[in-house]
Amino acid sequence: MPRRLALIAAVLLATATFAWTQQGAGGGAPAAEETTAWVCPMHSDYTADAQGTCPRCGMALVHAAPFDVRDYDLDFRTVPAVVRAGRKAALRFQVIHPGTGEIVRKFETVHERLYHLFIISQDMTYFEHLHPRELADGTWTIEVKLPKAGYYKVLSDVLPSGGSSQFIARPLVTAGYDRDLIADSAHLEPDTLLTKTVNDITASVTYDPQQFVVGQYGHITYHLTDTATGRPITDLQTYLGAFGHTLIMSEDMGEYVHSHPLDIIASPSDDGGPPVFRIPPGADLEKLRGGPDVTFEGLMPRPGRYRAWTQFRRNNRLHTFAFTFEVAPSAS
């Protein structure tokens, strides 16, 4: 009798498990990776059920699956297979869907581009922000010339349609590199001089709060002046749909923030009226001019030292500034 009861219990358990599995697969609520919403590319925790703009930064929301935590794969190749410093090489990428194994052919536009590519040297002294072009077979490609033999991180930042944001790192080691990777790793020191000059732009940086803390939004404001005259810059051009662009990377290159300037001048909570944007929706970006103050926002996930590469466009030239700062642990 006990054996028979045990057999009945096993059958009931198997039946219930099968029914639950079937319901989860097709009959019940959709799985997390299938749930889509409108998401802010800069504030991934802000979602909406309709198209619009982010109330925090003013960026256009994109249609994505914010609760899909799966990592997409990336097929990364170089032509030639062995890259040599100072010589041209083609980088080629194919983004692979984690569920189907197929090449992803459709992406959402984020910061005016479908594919953002960053190349950073192991010591974090070399930085490039590029935008590959798509080929007919779904491959993305771009030609580069690396400045010196060494180890590089190649970072792809994309948002597959119907998926979630992906930041995929791949290593690239050039020919002729025989040094120690640990010794060549970045050893960042926070900047004590908070004013730097690149060509005709001089940038002075302030931090709010002065000491960034893990888990709290921090703001980096650049005050831009003309190098020759010292006058505040008011003819800053847009770059990637905004008056600047920044990538913030941790010292171990494991954490990052990809950010554009805050675009909201006044939010609805200020006076009860509609939001006021620094770049009005539908504006002709090539005719707009900005400056002298540009503010970026970031949420640092871990304590440690970070480097921010910030890019501004003026007189049709791109200027890149690098500043290093420290993030303290949370008091709690």
C-alpha atoms as a PDB file:
ATOM      1  CA  MET A   1       0.000   0.000   0.000  1.00  0.00           C
ATOM      2  CA  PRO A   2       2.714   2.537   0.840  1.00  0.00           C
ATOM      3  CA  ARG A   3       4.414   1.757  -2.503  1.00  0.00           C
ATOM      4  CA  ARG A   4       1.163   2.441  -4.360  1.00  0.00           C
ATOM      5  CA  LEU A   5       0.656   5.764  -2.544  1.00  0.00           C
ATOM      6  CA  ALA A   6       4.205   6.741  -3.341  1.00  0.00           C
ATOM      7  CA  LEU A   7       3.639   5.930  -7.034  1.00  0.00           C
ATOM      8  CA  ILE A   8       0.423   7.987  -7.132  1.00  0.00           C
ATOM      9  CA  ALA A   9       2.196  10.905  -5.457  1.00  0.00           C
ATOM     10  CA  ALA A  10       5.021  10.736  -8.001  1.00  0.00           C
ATOM     11  CA  VAL A  11       2.556  10.746 -10.916  1.00  0.00           C
ATOM     12  CA  LEU A  12       0.679  13.734  -9.463  1.00  0.00           C
ATOM     13  CA  LEU A  13       3.924  15.613  -8.899  1.00  0.00           C
ATOM     14  CA  ALA A  14       5.084  14.953 -12.470  1.00  0.00           C
ATOM     15  CA  THR A  15       1.694  16.043 -13.850  1.00  0.00           C
ATOM     16  CA  ALA A  16       1.724  19.241 -11.835  1.00  0.00           C
ATOM     17  CA  THR A  17       5.304  20.006 -12.901  1.00  0.00           C
ATOM     18  CA  PHE A  18       4.414  19.434 -16.581  1.00  0.00           C
ATOM     19  CA  ALA A  19       1.347  21.690 -16.300  1.00  0.00           C
ATOM     20  CA  TRP A  20       3.375  24.447 -14.596  1.00  0.00           C
ATOM     21  CA  THR A  21       6.082  24.196 -17.261  1.00  0.00           C
ATOM     22  CA  GLN A  22       3.538  24.381 -20.076  1.00  0.00           C
ATOM     23  CA  GLN A  23       1.849  27.394 -18.483  1.00  0.00           C
ATOM     24  CA  GLY A  24       5.172  29.199 -18.039  1.00  0.00           C
ATOM     25  CA  ALA A  25       6.173  28.449 -21.611  1.00  0.00           C
ATOM     26  CA  GLY A  26       3.058  29.554 -23.373  1.00  0.00           C
ATOM     27  CA  GLY A  27      -0.096  29.816 -21.347  1.00  0.00           C
ATOM     28  CA  GLY A  28       0.648  32.239 -18.530  1.00  0.00           C
ATOM     29  CA  ALA A  29       2.320  35.581 -18.196  1.00  0.00           C
ATOM     30  CA  PRO A  30       5.149  36.193 -20.703  1.00  0.00           C
ATOM     31  CA  ALA A  31       8.682  35.418 -19.615  1.00  0.00           C
ATOM     32  CA  ALA A  32      10.860  38.309 -18.515  1.00  0.00           C
ATOM     33  CA  GLU A  33      12.837  38.268 -21.746  1.00  0.00           C
ATOM     34  CA  GLU A  34       9.587  38.677 -23.716  1.00  0.00           C
ATOM     35  CA  THR A  35       8.242  41.633 -21.712  1.00  0.00           C
ATOM     36  CA  THR A  36       8.890  44.861 -23.597  1.00  0.00           C
ATOM     37  CA  ALA A  37       8.610  48.486 -22.513  1.00  0.00           C
ATOM     38  CA  TRP A  38       9.845  51.939 -23.444  1.00  0.00           C
ATOM     39  CA  VAL A  39      13.178  52.525 -21.719  1.00  0.00           C
ATOM     40  CA  CYS A  40      15.559  55.443 -21.246  1.00  0.00           C
ATOM     41  CA  PRO A  41      18.958  54.586 -22.794  1.00  0.00           C
ATOM     42  CA  MET A  42      20.719  56.570 -20.056  1.00  0.00           C
ATOM     43  CA  HIS A  43      18.511  55.653 -17.054  1.00  0.00           C
ATOM     44  CA  SER A  44      17.727  51.970 -17.555  1.00  0.00           C
ATOM     45  CA  ASP A  45      15.617  51.909 -14.377  1.00  0.00           C
ATOM     46  CA  TYR A  46      13.075  54.264 -15.980  1.00  0.00           C
ATOM     47  CA  THR A  47      10.443  52.468 -18.063  1.00  0.00           C
ATOM     48  CA  ALA A  48       7.087  53.472 -19.563  1.00  0.00           C
ATOM     49  CA  ASP A  49       4.305  51.741 -21.468  1.00  0.00           C
ATOM     50  CA  ALA A  50       4.241  54.372 -24.221  1.00  0.00           C
ATOM     51  CA  GLN A  51       6.709  56.234 -26.399  1.00  0.00           C
ATOM     52  CA  GLY A  52       8.010  59.522 -25.009  1.00  0.00           C
ATOM     53  CA  THR A  53      11.000  61.156 -23.330  1.00  0.00           C
ATOM     54  CA  CYS A  54      12.773  60.478 -20.055  1.00  0.00           C
ATOM     55  CA  PRO A  55      11.682  62.952 -17.359  1.00  0.00           C
ATOM     56  CA  ARG A  56      15.176  62.915 -15.839  1.00  0.00           C
ATOM     57  CA  CYS A  57      17.376  63.666 -18.838  1.00  0.00           C
ATOM     58  CA  GLY A  58      15.060  64.333 -21.796  1.00  0.00           C
ATOM     59  CA  MET A  59      16.355  61.479 -23.958  1.00  0.00           C
ATOM     60  CA  ALA A  60      13.905  59.738 -26.296  1.00  0.00           C
ATOM     61  CA  LEU A  61      12.734  56.388 -24.924  1.00  0.00           C
ATOM     62  CA  VAL A  62      13.540  53.263 -26.957  1.00  0.00           C
ATOM     63  CA  HIS A  63      11.505  50.058 -27.249  1.00  0.00           C
ATOM     64  CA  ALA A  64      13.337  47.229 -25.497  1.00  0.00           C
ATOM     65  CA  ALA A  65      13.060  44.303 -23.079  1.00  0.00           C
ATOM     66  CA  PRO A  66      14.464  45.824 -19.870  1.00  0.00           C
ATOM     67  CA  PHE A  67      13.897  42.681 -17.795  1.00  0.00           C
ATOM     68  CA  ASP A  68      15.787  40.389 -20.167  1.00  0.00           C
ATOM     69  CA  VAL A  69      19.054  39.704 -18.332  1.00  0.00           C
ATOM     70  CA  ARG A  70      20.487  37.323 -20.935  1.00  0.00           C
ATOM     71  CA  ASP A  71      23.870  38.119 -22.448  1.00  0.00           C
ATOM     72  CA  TYR A  72      24.100  38.187 -26.236  1.00  0.00           C
ATOM     73  CA  ASP A  73      27.147  36.553 -27.789  1.00  0.00           C
ATOM     74  CA  LEU A  74      29.574  38.369 -30.075  1.00  0.00           C
ATOM     75  CA  ASP A  75      31.616  36.886 -32.893  1.00  0.00           C
ATOM     76  CA  PHE A  76      34.690  39.123 -33.150  1.00  0.00           C
ATOM     77  CA  ARG A  77      37.321  38.762 -35.874  1.00  0.00           C
ATOM     78  CA  THR A  78      40.117  40.857 -37.315  1.00  0.00           C
ATOM     79  CA  VAL A  79      41.448  41.074 -40.867  1.00  0.00           C
ATOM     80  CA  PRO A  80      44.298  40.262 -40.937  1.00  0.00           C
ATOM     81  CA  ALA A  81      44.040  37.742 -38.116  1.00  0.00           C
ATOM     82  CA  VAL A  82      47.210  39.160 -36.529  1.00  0.00           C
ATOM     83  CA  VAL A  83      46.958  42.907 -35.934  1.00  0.00           C
ATOM     84  CA  ARG A  84      50.140  44.957 -36.025  1.00  0.00           C
ATOM     85  CA  ALA A  85      50.527  48.367 -34.413  1.00  0.00           C
ATOM     86  CA  GLY A  86      50.702  51.247 -36.886  1.00  0.00           C
ATOM     87  CA  ARG A  87      49.078  49.223 -39.672  1.00  0.00           C
ATOM     88  CA  LYS A  88      45.459  49.231 -40.792  1.00  0.00           C
ATOM     89  CA  ALA A  89      43.239  46.345 -39.733  1.00  0.00           C
ATOM     90  CA  ALA A  90      39.515  45.664 -40.138  1.00  0.00           C
ATOM     91  CA  LEU A  91      37.479  44.750 -37.068  1.00  0.00           C
ATOM     92  CA  ARG A  92      34.375  42.652 -37.744  1.00  0.00           C
ATOM     93  CA  PHE A  93      31.493  41.894 -35.390  1.00  0.00           C
ATOM     94  CA  GLN A  94      28.351  39.758 -35.435  1.00  0.00           C
ATOM     95  CA  VAL A  95      25.920  39.964 -32.516  1.00  0.00           C
ATOM     96  CA  ILE A  96      24.305  36.580 -31.763  1.00  0.00           C
ATOM     97  CA  HIS A  97      20.860  36.163 -30.178  1.00  0.00           C
ATOM     98  CA  PRO A  98      21.071  34.049 -26.974  1.00  0.00           C
ATOM     99  CA  GLY A  99      17.811  32.230 -27.640  1.00  0.00           C
ATOM    100  CA  THR A 100      17.916  31.478 -31.359  1.00  0.00           C
ATOM    101  CA  GLY A 101      21.655  31.533 -32.051  1.00  0.00           C
ATOM    102  CA  GLU A 102      20.951  33.692 -35.101  1.00  0.00           C
ATOM    103  CA  ILE A 103      22.758  36.862 -36.141  1.00  0.00           C
ATOM    104  CA  VAL A 104      20.894  39.926 -34.873  1.00  0.00           C
ATOM    105  CA  ARG A 105      19.874  42.097 -37.828  1.00  0.00           C
ATOM    106  CA  LYS A 106      17.887  44.848 -36.139  1.00  0.00           C
ATOM    107  CA  PHE A 107      19.040  47.312 -33.475  1.00  0.00           C
ATOM    108  CA  GLU A 108      17.598  50.374 -31.755  1.00  0.00           C
ATOM    109  CA  THR A 109      19.159  53.783 -32.314  1.00  0.00           C
ATOM    110  CA  VAL A 110      20.825  55.063 -29.131  1.00  0.00           C
ATOM    111  CA  HIS A 111      22.721  58.376 -29.087  1.00  0.00           C
ATOM    112  CA  GLU A 112      22.027  58.675 -32.858  1.00  0.00           C
ATOM    113  CA  ARG A 113      23.877  55.449 -33.708  1.00  0.00           C
ATOM    114  CA  LEU A 114      23.041  51.752 -33.934  1.00  0.00           C
ATOM    115  CA  TYR A 115      26.482  50.552 -32.894  1.00  0.00           C
ATOM    116  CA  HIS A 116      28.941  52.254 -30.532  1.00  0.00           C
ATOM    117  CA  LEU A 117      32.461  50.841 -30.337  1.00  0.00           C
ATOM    118  CA  PHE A 118      35.114  51.765 -27.784  1.00  0.00           C
ATOM    119  CA  ILE A 119      38.762  50.733 -27.934  1.00  0.00           C
ATOM    120  CA  ILE A 120      40.755  51.225 -24.730  1.00  0.00           C
ATOM    121  CA  SER A 121      44.343  50.213 -24.060  1.00  0.00           C
ATOM    122  CA  GLN A 122      45.168  48.098 -21.022  1.00  0.00           C
ATOM    123  CA  ASP A 123      46.825  51.065 -19.291  1.00  0.00           C
ATOM    124  CA  MET A 124      43.803  53.289 -20.154  1.00  0.00           C
ATOM    125  CA  THR A 125      45.966  55.902 -21.880  1.00  0.00           C
ATOM    126  CA  TYR A 126      44.474  55.253 -25.340  1.00  0.00           C
ATOM    127  CA  PHE A 127      40.761  55.765 -26.069  1.00  0.00           C
ATOM    128  CA  GLU A 128      38.734  55.672 -29.281  1.00  0.00           C
ATOM    129  CA  HIS A 129      34.973  55.992 -29.769  1.00  0.00           C
ATOM    130  CA  LEU A 130      33.930  54.697 -33.192  1.00  0.00           C
ATOM    131  CA  HIS A 131      30.825  53.651 -35.112  1.00  0.00           C
ATOM    132  CA  PRO A 132      31.090  50.576 -37.351  1.00  0.00           C
ATOM    133  CA  ARG A 133      29.022  50.220 -40.522  1.00  0.00           C
ATOM    134  CA  GLU A 134      26.738  47.287 -41.280  1.00  0.00           C
ATOM    135  CA  LEU A 135      27.297  44.877 -44.165  1.00  0.00           C
ATOM    136  CA  ALA A 136      24.588  42.958 -46.010  1.00  0.00           C
ATOM    137  CA  ASP A 137      25.152  39.748 -44.015  1.00  0.00           C
ATOM    138  CA  GLY A 138      24.655  41.403 -40.605  1.00  0.00           C
ATOM    139  CA  THR A 139      28.368  41.913 -39.958  1.00  0.00           C
ATOM    140  CA  TRP A 140      29.501  45.265 -38.563  1.00  0.00           C
ATOM    141  CA  THR A 141      32.947  46.459 -39.597  1.00  0.00           C
ATOM    142  CA  ILE A 142      35.373  49.327 -39.159  1.00  0.00           C
ATOM    143  CA  GLU A 143      39.023  49.965 -40.032  1.00  0.00           C
ATOM    144  CA  VAL A 144      41.451  50.963 -37.272  1.00  0.00           C
ATOM    145  CA  LYS A 145      45.159  51.634 -36.782  1.00  0.00           C
ATOM    146  CA  LEU A 146      46.329  51.007 -33.228  1.00  0.00           C
ATOM    147  CA  PRO A 147      49.157  53.274 -32.029  1.00  0.00           C
ATOM    148  CA  LYS A 148      51.377  50.793 -30.191  1.00  0.00           C
ATOM    149  CA  ALA A 149      51.871  47.094 -29.556  1.00  0.00           C
ATOM    150  CA  GLY A 150      49.831  45.966 -26.590  1.00  0.00           C
ATOM    151  CA  TYR A 151      46.638  44.588 -25.087  1.00  0.00           C
ATOM    152  CA  TYR A 152      43.378  46.390 -25.860  1.00  0.00           C
ATOM    153  CA  LYS A 153      39.773  46.041 -24.752  1.00  0.00           C
ATOM    154  CA  VAL A 154      37.290  46.260 -27.639  1.00  0.00           C
ATOM    155  CA  LEU A 155      33.867  47.165 -26.256  1.00  0.00           C
ATOM    156  CA  SER A 156      30.617  46.929 -28.232  1.00  0.00           C
ATOM    157  CA  ASP A 157      27.636  48.923 -26.958  1.00  0.00           C
ATOM    158  CA  VAL A 158      24.376  47.975 -28.727  1.00  0.00           C
ATOM    159  CA  LEU A 159      20.655  47.603 -28.076  1.00  0.00           C
ATOM    160  CA  PRO A 160      19.157  44.703 -30.071  1.00  0.00           C
ATOM    161  CA  SER A 161      15.511  45.312 -30.985  1.00  0.00           C
ATOM    162  CA  GLY A 162      13.283  43.471 -28.544  1.00  0.00           C
ATOM    163  CA  GLY A 163      16.238  42.863 -26.219  1.00  0.00           C
ATOM    164  CA  SER A 164      18.164  44.727 -23.551  1.00  0.00           C
ATOM    165  CA  SER A 165      21.265  46.907 -23.694  1.00  0.00           C
ATOM    166  CA  GLN A 166      24.475  44.973 -24.287  1.00  0.00           C
ATOM    167  CA  PHE A 167      28.028  46.030 -23.442  1.00  0.00           C
ATOM    168  CA  ILE A 168      30.271  43.246 -24.707  1.00  0.00           C
ATOM    169  CA  ALA A 169      34.029  43.211 -24.199  1.00  0.00           C
ATOM    170  CA  ARG A 170      36.543  41.313 -26.296  1.00  0.00           C
ATOM    171  CA  PRO A 171      40.348  41.323 -26.007  1.00  0.00           C
ATOM    172  CA  LEU A 172      42.711  42.279 -28.802  1.00  0.00           C
ATOM    173  CA  VAL A 173      46.443  41.620 -28.488  1.00  0.00           C
ATOM    174  CA  THR A 174      48.694  42.966 -31.220  1.00  0.00           C
ATOM    175  CA  ALA A 175      51.767  41.303 -32.677  1.00  0.00           C
ATOM    176  CA  GLY A 176      55.004  42.125 -30.924  1.00  0.00           C
ATOM    177  CA  TYR A 177      53.511  42.445 -27.432  1.00  0.00           C
ATOM    178  CA  ASP A 178      55.494  40.445 -24.885  1.00  0.00           C
ATOM    179  CA  ARG A 179      55.108  42.487 -21.712  1.00  0.00           C
ATOM    180  CA  ASP A 180      53.390  41.488 -18.466  1.00  0.00           C
ATOM    181  CA  LEU A 181      49.622  42.126 -18.506  1.00  0.00           C
ATOM    182  CA  ILE A 182      49.438  42.823 -14.774  1.00  0.00           C
ATOM    183  CA  ALA A 183      52.298  45.291 -14.893  1.00  0.00           C
ATOM    184  CA  ASP A 184      50.695  47.058 -17.857  1.00  0.00           C
ATOM    185  CA  SER A 185      47.273  47.320 -16.202  1.00  0.00           C
ATOM    186  CA  ALA A 186      45.938  50.767 -15.401  1.00  0.00           C
ATOM    187  CA  HIS A 187      47.038  52.331 -12.123  1.00  0.00           C
ATOM    188  CA  LEU A 188      44.865  55.423 -12.043  1.00  0.00           C
ATOM    189  CA  GLU A 189      45.458  58.450  -9.845  1.00  0.00           C
ATOM    190  CA  PRO A 190      42.631  60.941  -9.250  1.00  0.00           C
ATOM    191  CA  ASP A 191      43.283  64.273 -10.938  1.00  0.00           C
ATOM    192  CA  THR A 192      44.286  67.091  -8.626  1.00  0.00           C
ATOM    193  CA  LEU A 193      44.400  69.596 -11.482  1.00  0.00           C
ATOM    194  CA  LEU A 194      40.792  70.002 -12.591  1.00  0.00           C
ATOM    195  CA  THR A 195      41.447  72.220 -15.614  1.00  0.00           C
ATOM    196  CA  LYS A 196      42.776  70.831 -18.903  1.00  0.00           C
ATOM    197  CA  THR A 197      43.194  72.152 -22.438  1.00  0.00           C
ATOM    198  CA  VAL A 198      42.655  70.361 -25.741  1.00  0.00           C
ATOM    199  CA  ASN A 199      43.265  72.609 -28.762  1.00  0.00           C
ATOM    200  CA  ASP A 200      40.855  75.568 -28.609  1.00  0.00           C
ATOM    201  CA  ILE A 201      38.810  74.335 -25.616  1.00  0.00           C
ATOM    202  CA  THR A 202      39.828  74.633 -21.970  1.00  0.00           C
ATOM    203  CA  ALA A 203      37.647  72.598 -19.605  1.00  0.00           C
ATOM    204  CA  SER A 204      37.311  73.044 -15.845  1.00  0.00           C
ATOM    205  CA  VAL A 205      35.547  70.228 -13.986  1.00  0.00           C
ATOM    206  CA  THR A 206      33.443  70.230 -10.825  1.00  0.00           C
ATOM    207  CA  TYR A 207      31.850  67.236  -9.112  1.00  0.00           C
ATOM    208  CA  ASP A 208      28.500  67.159  -7.311  1.00  0.00           C
ATOM    209  CA  PRO A 209      28.809  65.797  -4.705  1.00  0.00           C
ATOM    210  CA  GLN A 210      32.531  66.480  -4.404  1.00  0.00           C
ATOM    211  CA  GLN A 211      32.991  62.865  -3.320  1.00  0.00           C
ATOM    212  CA  PHE A 212      31.059  60.361  -5.441  1.00  0.00           C
ATOM    213  CA  VAL A 213      29.482  57.490  -3.522  1.00  0.00           C
ATOM    214  CA  VAL A 214      28.466  54.042  -4.745  1.00  0.00           C
ATOM    215  CA  GLY A 215      24.765  53.761  -5.568  1.00  0.00           C
ATOM    216  CA  GLN A 216      24.135  57.511  -5.673  1.00  0.00           C
ATOM    217  CA  TYR A 217      23.824  59.619  -8.810  1.00  0.00           C
ATOM    218  CA  GLY A 218      26.730  61.991  -9.260  1.00  0.00           C
ATOM    219  CA  HIS A 219      27.092  64.937 -11.613  1.00  0.00           C
ATOM    220  CA  ILE A 220      30.164  66.073 -13.552  1.00  0.00           C
ATOM    221  CA  THR A 221      29.968  69.625 -14.882  1.00  0.00           C
ATOM    222  CA  TYR A 222      32.401  70.969 -17.489  1.00  0.00           C
ATOM    223  CA  HIS A 223      32.834  74.728 -17.744  1.00  0.00           C
ATOM    224  CA  LEU A 224      34.234  75.396 -21.219  1.00  0.00           C
ATOM    225  CA  THR A 225      36.229  78.452 -22.238  1.00  0.00           C
ATOM    226  CA  ASP A 226      38.095  79.473 -25.358  1.00  0.00           C
ATOM    227  CA  THR A 227      41.788  78.683 -24.959  1.00  0.00           C
ATOM    228  CA  ALA A 228      43.009  81.858 -26.661  1.00  0.00           C
ATOM    229  CA  THR A 229      40.644  84.422 -25.130  1.00  0.00           C
ATOM    230  CA  GLY A 230      39.499  82.796 -21.895  1.00  0.00           C
ATOM    231  CA  ARG A 231      35.897  83.695 -22.725  1.00  0.00           C
ATOM    232  CA  PRO A 232      33.062  81.245 -22.046  1.00  0.00           C
ATOM    233  CA  ILE A 233      32.271  79.102 -25.076  1.00  0.00           C
ATOM    234  CA  THR A 234      28.805  79.582 -26.560  1.00  0.00           C
ATOM    235  CA  ASP A 235      29.358  78.006 -29.983  1.00  0.00           C
ATOM    236  CA  LEU A 236      29.575  74.352 -28.948  1.00  0.00           C
ATOM    237  CA  GLN A 237      28.182  72.033 -31.624  1.00  0.00           C
ATOM    238  CA  THR A 238      26.102  68.936 -31.010  1.00  0.00           C
ATOM    239  CA  TYR A 239      27.729  65.523 -31.096  1.00  0.00           C
ATOM    240  CA  LEU A 240      25.606  62.360 -31.267  1.00  0.00           C
ATOM    241  CA  GLY A 241      22.472  64.383 -30.654  1.00  0.00           C
ATOM    242  CA  ALA A 242      23.740  66.303 -27.612  1.00  0.00           C
ATOM    243  CA  PHE A 243      26.283  68.914 -26.537  1.00  0.00           C
ATOM    244  CA  GLY A 244      28.760  66.257 -25.503  1.00  0.00           C
ATOM    245  CA  HIS A 245      29.318  62.611 -24.803  1.00  0.00           C
ATOM    246  CA  THR A 246      31.102  60.703 -22.051  1.00  0.00           C
ATOM    247  CA  LEU A 247      32.197  57.171 -21.242  1.00  0.00           C
ATOM    248  CA  ILE A 248      33.138  56.486 -17.629  1.00  0.00           C
ATOM    249  CA  MET A 249      35.163  53.315 -17.015  1.00  0.00           C
ATOM    250  CA  SER A 250      36.372  51.678 -13.817  1.00  0.00           C
ATOM    251  CA  GLU A 251      40.080  51.055 -13.323  1.00  0.00           C
ATOM    252  CA  ASP A 252      39.671  47.311 -13.949  1.00  0.00           C
ATOM    253  CA  MET A 253      37.487  48.061 -17.017  1.00  0.00           C
ATOM    254  CA  GLY A 254      34.698  45.990 -15.505  1.00  0.00           C
ATOM    255  CA  GLU A 255      32.128  48.773 -14.904  1.00  0.00           C
ATOM    256  CA  TYR A 256      31.067  51.605 -17.169  1.00  0.00           C
ATOM    257  CA  VAL A 257      28.623  54.481 -17.646  1.00  0.00           C
ATOM    258  CA  HIS A 258      27.776  55.649 -21.187  1.00  0.00           C
ATOM    259  CA  SER A 259      26.180  59.068 -20.816  1.00  0.00           C
ATOM    260  CA  HIS A 260      25.002  62.189 -22.591  1.00  0.00           C
ATOM    261  CA  PRO A 261      24.504  65.611 -20.959  1.00  0.00           C
ATOM    262  CA  LEU A 262      21.366  66.345 -18.994  1.00  0.00           C
ATOM    263  CA  ASP A 263      18.978  67.984 -21.444  1.00  0.00           C
ATOM    264  CA  ILE A 264      16.230  69.212 -19.119  1.00  0.00           C
ATOM    265  CA  ILE A 265      16.425  72.848 -18.002  1.00  0.00           C
ATOM    266  CA  ALA A 266      13.152  72.771 -16.052  1.00  0.00           C
ATOM    267  CA  SER A 267      11.146  69.692 -15.136  1.00  0.00           C
ATOM    268  CA  PRO A 268       7.353  69.524 -14.578  1.00  0.00           C
ATOM    269  CA  SER A 269       7.926  69.302 -10.816  1.00  0.00           C
ATOM    270  CA  ASP A 270       9.633  72.722 -10.789  1.00  0.00           C
ATOM    271  CA  ASP A 271       6.621  74.877 -11.591  1.00  0.00           C
ATOM    272  CA  GLY A 272       3.900  72.498 -12.653  1.00  0.00           C
ATOM    273  CA  GLY A 273       4.408  73.269 -16.335  1.00  0.00           C
ATOM    274  CA  PRO A 274       5.740  71.108 -19.173  1.00  0.00           C
ATOM    275  CA  PRO A 275       9.434  70.196 -19.227  1.00  0.00           C
ATOM    276  CA  VAL A 276      11.820  72.642 -20.892  1.00  0.00           C
ATOM    277  CA  PHE A 277      14.612  71.073 -22.920  1.00  0.00           C
ATOM    278  CA  ARG A 278      18.047  72.466 -23.740  1.00  0.00           C
ATOM    279  CA  ILE A 279      17.659  70.790 -27.138  1.00  0.00           C
ATOM    280  CA  PRO A 280      13.988  71.164 -28.140  1.00  0.00           C
ATOM    281  CA  PRO A 281      12.371  68.112 -29.766  1.00  0.00           C
ATOM    282  CA  GLY A 282      12.599  68.338 -33.551  1.00  0.00           C
ATOM    283  CA  ALA A 283      15.312  71.012 -33.505  1.00  0.00           C
ATOM    284  CA  ASP A 284      17.875  71.205 -36.306  1.00  0.00           C
ATOM    285  CA  LEU A 285      20.899  69.819 -34.460  1.00  0.00           C
ATOM    286  CA  GLU A 286      23.433  71.254 -36.887  1.00  0.00           C
ATOM    287  CA  LYS A 287      22.184  74.780 -36.290  1.00  0.00           C
ATOM    288  CA  LEU A 288      22.074  74.612 -32.492  1.00  0.00           C
ATOM    289  CA  ARG A 289      24.911  76.018 -30.407  1.00  0.00           C
ATOM    290  CA  GLY A 290      25.581  75.483 -26.715  1.00  0.00           C
ATOM    291  CA  GLY A 291      27.922  76.015 -23.780  1.00  0.00           C
ATOM    292  CA  PRO A 292      29.619  77.057 -21.668  1.00  0.00           C
ATOM    293  CA  ASP A 293      28.420  74.583 -19.005  1.00  0.00           C
ATOM    294  CA  VAL A 294      27.687  70.923 -19.760  1.00  0.00           C
ATOM    295  CA  THR A 295      26.584  68.463 -17.047  1.00  0.00           C
ATOM    296  CA  PHE A 296      26.695  64.671 -17.157  1.00  0.00           C
ATOM    297  CA  GLU A 297      25.087  62.238 -14.737  1.00  0.00           C
ATOM    298  CA  GLY A 298      26.369  58.836 -13.646  1.00  0.00           C
ATOM    299  CA  LEU A 299      25.609  56.076 -11.164  1.00  0.00           C
ATOM    300  CA  MET A 300      28.791  54.234 -10.155  1.00  0.00           C
ATOM    301  CA  PRO A 301      28.128  50.606  -9.196  1.00  0.00           C
ATOM    302  CA  ARG A 302      31.331  49.892  -7.242  1.00  0.00           C
ATOM    303  CA  PRO A 303      33.894  51.816  -5.207  1.00  0.00           C
ATOM    304  CA  GLY A 304      37.259  52.533  -6.767  1.00  0.00           C
ATOM    305  CA  ARG A 305      38.871  54.787  -9.323  1.00  0.00           C
ATOM    306  CA  TYR A 306      37.225  55.707 -12.599  1.00  0.00           C
ATOM    307  CA  ARG A 307      38.274  57.561 -15.720  1.00  0.00           C
ATOM    308  CA  ALA A 308      35.829  59.686 -17.732  1.00  0.00           C
ATOM    309  CA  TRP A 309      36.538  60.346 -21.399  1.00  0.00           C
ATOM    310  CA  THR A 310      34.344  63.264 -22.434  1.00  0.00           C
ATOM    311  CA  GLN A 311      34.015  64.502 -25.997  1.00  0.00           C
ATOM    312  CA  PHE A 312      32.904  67.886 -27.274  1.00  0.00           C
ATOM    313  CA  ARG A 313      32.548  69.171 -30.837  1.00  0.00           C
ATOM    314  CA  ARG A 314      33.574  72.688 -31.775  1.00  0.00           C
ATOM    315  CA  ASN A 315      34.526  74.179 -35.131  1.00  0.00           C
ATOM    316  CA  ASN A 316      33.779  70.755 -36.641  1.00  0.00           C
ATOM    317  CA  ARG A 317      36.547  69.142 -34.566  1.00  0.00           C
ATOM    318  CA  LEU A 318      36.191  66.553 -31.831  1.00  0.00           C
ATOM    319  CA  HIS A 319      37.929  67.278 -28.521  1.00  0.00           C
ATOM    320  CA  THR A 320      38.456  64.477 -25.981  1.00  0.00           C
ATOM    321  CA  PHE A 321      39.148  65.183 -22.297  1.00  0.00           C
ATOM    322  CA  ALA A 322      40.161  62.533 -19.744  1.00  0.00           C
ATOM    323  CA  PHE A 323      39.564  63.063 -16.022  1.00  0.00           C
ATOM    324  CA  THR A 324      40.086  60.531 -13.215  1.00  0.00           C
ATOM    325  CA  PHE A 325      38.177  60.502  -9.915  1.00  0.00           C
ATOM    326  CA  GLU A 326      37.477  58.215  -6.965  1.00  0.00           C
ATOM    327  CA  VAL A 327      34.176  56.682  -5.837  1.00  0.00           C
ATOM    328  CA  ALA A 328      33.760  55.942  -2.131  1.00  0.00           C
ATOM    329  CA  PRO A 329      31.887  52.957  -0.652  1.00  0.00           C
ATOM    330  CA  SER A 330      28.338  53.495   0.531  1.00  0.00           C
ATOM    331  CA  ALA A 331      28.036  54.420   4.222  1.00  0.00           C
ATOM    332  CA  SER A 332      25.424  51.708   4.700  1.00  0.00           C
END
